[in-house]
Amino acid sequence: MILSRLQNSPEKMVPAAMALVTTGLMMIVVGIVWPVHSLSVASGSTNWSDFFRGVTFGFAIVLEITGVVIAGSAARAKGAKKL
Protein backbone atom coordinates (compact mmCIF):
# COMPACT_ATOMS: atom_id res chain seq x y z
CA MET A 1 0.00 0.00 0.00
CA ILE A 2 2.79 2.41 0.83
CA LEU A 3 4.69 1.52 -2.33
CA SER A 4 1.59 2.04 -4.48
CA ARG A 5 1.22 5.55 -3.04
CA LEU A 6 4.87 6.27 -3.71
CA GLN A 7 4.62 5.14 -7.32
CA ASN A 8 2.69 8.27 -8.29
CA SER A 9 5.38 10.65 -7.06
CA PRO A 10 9.02 9.81 -7.83
CA GLU A 11 10.19 12.70 -5.63
CA LYS A 12 8.96 10.79 -2.57
CA MET A 13 10.37 7.47 -3.77
CA VAL A 14 14.01 8.50 -3.53
CA PRO A 15 14.04 9.27 0.23
CA ALA A 16 12.15 6.04 0.95
CA ALA A 17 14.64 4.07 -1.14
CA MET A 18 17.62 5.67 0.59
CA ALA A 19 16.05 4.94 3.99
CA LEU A 20 15.80 1.25 3.05
CA VAL A 21 19.40 1.14 1.82
CA THR A 22 20.65 2.92 4.95
CA THR A 23 18.72 0.55 7.22
CA GLY A 24 20.15 -2.41 5.32
CA LEU A 25 23.69 -1.08 5.72
CA MET A 26 23.16 -0.60 9.46
CA MET A 27 21.95 -4.18 9.74
CA ILE A 28 25.07 -5.35 7.88
CA VAL A 29 27.17 -3.59 10.51
CA VAL A 30 25.17 -5.31 13.26
CA GLY A 31 25.81 -8.66 11.58
CA ILE A 32 29.52 -7.98 11.30
CA VAL A 33 29.97 -7.05 14.97
CA TRP A 34 27.60 -9.81 16.15
CA PRO A 35 30.33 -12.26 17.25
CA VAL A 36 32.06 -9.59 19.33
CA HIS A 37 28.92 -8.28 21.02
CA SER A 38 26.55 -11.23 20.95
CA LEU A 39 23.18 -10.62 22.50
CA SER A 40 22.02 -12.51 25.58
CA VAL A 41 19.29 -14.17 23.48
CA ALA A 42 21.84 -15.90 21.28
CA SER A 43 24.49 -16.54 23.91
CA GLY A 44 23.06 -19.98 24.75
CA SER A 45 24.63 -21.81 21.86
CA THR A 46 26.69 -21.10 18.80
CA ASN A 47 24.03 -22.48 16.46
CA TRP A 48 21.43 -19.91 17.56
CA SER A 49 23.97 -17.12 17.33
CA ASP A 50 24.85 -18.15 13.77
CA PHE A 51 21.17 -18.40 12.89
CA PHE A 52 20.35 -14.89 14.11
CA ARG A 53 23.46 -13.50 12.43
CA GLY A 54 22.42 -15.11 9.14
CA VAL A 55 18.88 -13.79 9.45
CA THR A 56 20.30 -10.32 10.06
CA PHE A 57 22.46 -10.53 6.93
CA GLY A 58 19.57 -11.90 4.85
CA PHE A 59 17.13 -9.23 5.94
CA ALA A 60 19.75 -6.53 5.30
CA ILE A 61 20.32 -7.79 1.77
CA VAL A 62 16.57 -7.80 1.09
CA LEU A 63 16.26 -4.21 2.34
CA GLU A 64 19.16 -3.04 0.18
CA ILE A 65 17.87 -4.74 -2.97
CA THR A 66 14.39 -3.30 -2.38
CA GLY A 67 15.88 0.18 -1.94
CA VAL A 68 17.87 -0.10 -5.15
CA VAL A 69 14.84 -1.31 -7.10
CA ILE A 70 12.70 1.55 -5.77
CA ALA A 71 15.44 4.08 -6.59
CA GLY A 72 15.74 2.66 -10.10
CA SER A 73 12.03 2.88 -10.72
CA ALA A 74 12.06 6.46 -9.40
CA ALA A 75 14.85 7.36 -11.82
CA ARG A 76 12.95 5.72 -14.65
CA ALA A 77 9.77 7.61 -13.73
CA LYS A 78 11.64 10.92 -13.57
CA GLY A 79 13.18 10.24 -16.97
CA ALA A 80 9.80 9.42 -18.49
CA LYS A 81 8.30 12.68 -17.20
CA LYS A 82 11.06 14.73 -18.83
CA LEU A 83 10.47 13.14 -22.23
C-alpha atoms as a PDB file:
ATOM      1  CA  MET A   1       0.000   0.000   0.000  1.00  0.00           C
ATOM      2  CA  ILE A   2       2.792   2.414   0.825  1.00  0.00           C
ATOM      3  CA  LEU A   3       4.688   1.515  -2.333  1.00  0.00           C
ATOM      4  CA  SER A   4       1.591   2.037  -4.478  1.00  0.00           C
ATOM      5  CA  ARG A   5       1.220   5.549  -3.040  1.00  0.00           C
ATOM      6  CA  LEU A   6       4.869   6.267  -3.711  1.00  0.00           C
ATOM      7  CA  GLN A   7       4.615   5.142  -7.322  1.00  0.00           C
ATOM      8  CA  ASN A   8       2.691   8.268  -8.289  1.00  0.00           C
ATOM      9  CA  SER A   9       5.383  10.655  -7.059  1.00  0.00           C
ATOM     10  CA  PRO A  10       9.018   9.805  -7.826  1.00  0.00           C
ATOM     11  CA  GLU A  11      10.193  12.704  -5.630  1.00  0.00           C
ATOM     12  CA  LYS A  12       8.962  10.794  -2.571  1.00  0.00           C
ATOM     13  CA  MET A  13      10.369   7.468  -3.767  1.00  0.00           C
ATOM     14  CA  VAL A  14      14.013   8.501  -3.533  1.00  0.00           C
ATOM     15  CA  PRO A  15      14.036   9.271   0.231  1.00  0.00           C
ATOM     16  CA  ALA A  16      12.146   6.044   0.945  1.00  0.00           C
ATOM     17  CA  ALA A  17      14.644   4.069  -1.136  1.00  0.00           C
ATOM     18  CA  MET A  18      17.620   5.675   0.593  1.00  0.00           C
ATOM     19  CA  ALA A  19      16.045   4.938   3.990  1.00  0.00           C
ATOM     20  CA  LEU A  20      15.799   1.255   3.052  1.00  0.00           C
ATOM     21  CA  VAL A  21      19.398   1.138   1.824  1.00  0.00           C
ATOM     22  CA  THR A  22      20.646   2.922   4.953  1.00  0.00           C
ATOM     23  CA  THR A  23      18.722   0.551   7.223  1.00  0.00           C
ATOM     24  CA  GLY A  24      20.153  -2.408   5.321  1.00  0.00           C
ATOM     25  CA  LEU A  25      23.685  -1.082   5.721  1.00  0.00           C
ATOM     26  CA  MET A  26      23.163  -0.597   9.462  1.00  0.00           C
ATOM     27  CA  MET A  27      21.954  -4.182   9.738  1.00  0.00           C
ATOM     28  CA  ILE A  28      25.070  -5.354   7.880  1.00  0.00           C
ATOM     29  CA  VAL A  29      27.173  -3.592  10.514  1.00  0.00           C
ATOM     30  CA  VAL A  30      25.171  -5.313  13.264  1.00  0.00           C
ATOM     31  CA  GLY A  31      25.805  -8.660  11.585  1.00  0.00           C
ATOM     32  CA  ILE A  32      29.516  -7.979  11.303  1.00  0.00           C
ATOM     33  CA  VAL A  33      29.969  -7.052  14.970  1.00  0.00           C
ATOM     34  CA  TRP A  34      27.596  -9.811  16.152  1.00  0.00           C
ATOM     35  CA  PRO A  35      30.334 -12.264  17.249  1.00  0.00           C
ATOM     36  CA  VAL A  36      32.058  -9.590  19.330  1.00  0.00           C
ATOM     37  CA  HIS A  37      28.918  -8.280  21.023  1.00  0.00           C
ATOM     38  CA  SER A  38      26.550 -11.233  20.948  1.00  0.00           C
ATOM     39  CA  LEU A  39      23.179 -10.623  22.504  1.00  0.00           C
ATOM     40  CA  SER A  40      22.017 -12.511  25.575  1.00  0.00           C
ATOM     41  CA  VAL A  41      19.288 -14.174  23.480  1.00  0.00           C
ATOM     42  CA  ALA A  42      21.843 -15.897  21.283  1.00  0.00           C
ATOM     43  CA  SER A  43      24.492 -16.544  23.910  1.00  0.00           C
ATOM     44  CA  GLY A  44      23.063 -19.979  24.749  1.00  0.00           C
ATOM     45  CA  SER A  45      24.629 -21.813  21.856  1.00  0.00           C
ATOM     46  CA  THR A  46      26.692 -21.102  18.801  1.00  0.00           C
ATOM     47  CA  ASN A  47      24.030 -22.480  16.462  1.00  0.00           C
ATOM     48  CA  TRP A  48      21.429 -19.914  17.560  1.00  0.00           C
ATOM     49  CA  SER A  49      23.966 -17.125  17.329  1.00  0.00           C
ATOM     50  CA  ASP A  50      24.855 -18.149  13.770  1.00  0.00           C
ATOM     51  CA  PHE A  51      21.171 -18.401  12.891  1.00  0.00           C
ATOM     52  CA  PHE A  52      20.347 -14.889  14.112  1.00  0.00           C
ATOM     53  CA  ARG A  53      23.458 -13.499  12.434  1.00  0.00           C
ATOM     54  CA  GLY A  54      22.423 -15.114   9.139  1.00  0.00           C
ATOM     55  CA  VAL A  55      18.882 -13.785   9.451  1.00  0.00           C
ATOM     56  CA  THR A  56      20.298 -10.317  10.060  1.00  0.00           C
ATOM     57  CA  PHE A  57      22.460 -10.532   6.933  1.00  0.00           C
ATOM     58  CA  GLY A  58      19.575 -11.899   4.846  1.00  0.00           C
ATOM     59  CA  PHE A  59      17.129  -9.226   5.941  1.00  0.00           C
ATOM     60  CA  ALA A  60      19.754  -6.534   5.302  1.00  0.00           C
ATOM     61  CA  ILE A  61      20.324  -7.795   1.769  1.00  0.00           C
ATOM     62  CA  VAL A  62      16.568  -7.802   1.088  1.00  0.00           C
ATOM     63  CA  LEU A  63      16.261  -4.207   2.337  1.00  0.00           C
ATOM     64  CA  GLU A  64      19.156  -3.042   0.177  1.00  0.00           C
ATOM     65  CA  ILE A  65      17.869  -4.743  -2.966  1.00  0.00           C
ATOM     66  CA  THR A  66      14.395  -3.300  -2.375  1.00  0.00           C
ATOM     67  CA  GLY A  67      15.881   0.175  -1.938  1.00  0.00           C
ATOM     68  CA  VAL A  68      17.874  -0.096  -5.145  1.00  0.00           C
ATOM     69  CA  VAL A  69      14.837  -1.313  -7.095  1.00  0.00           C
ATOM     70  CA  ILE A  70      12.702   1.547  -5.773  1.00  0.00           C
ATOM     71  CA  ALA A  71      15.444   4.080  -6.588  1.00  0.00           C
ATOM     72  CA  GLY A  72      15.743   2.656 -10.101  1.00  0.00           C
ATOM     73  CA  SER A  73      12.030   2.875 -10.718  1.00  0.00           C
ATOM     74  CA  ALA A  74      12.057   6.463  -9.403  1.00  0.00           C
ATOM     75  CA  ALA A  75      14.852   7.362 -11.820  1.00  0.00           C
ATOM     76  CA  ARG A  76      12.951   5.719 -14.653  1.00  0.00           C
ATOM     77  CA  ALA A  77       9.767   7.612 -13.727  1.00  0.00           C
ATOM     78  CA  LYS A  78      11.643  10.923 -13.570  1.00  0.00           C
ATOM     79  CA  GLY A  79      13.181  10.243 -16.973  1.00  0.00           C
ATOM     80  CA  ALA A  80       9.798   9.420 -18.488  1.00  0.00           C
ATOM     81  CA  LYS A  81       8.301  12.681 -17.205  1.00  0.00           C
ATOM     82  CA  LYS A  82      11.062  14.729 -18.833  1.00  0.00           C
ATOM     83  CA  LEU A  83      10.472  13.136 -22.226  1.00  0.00           C
END
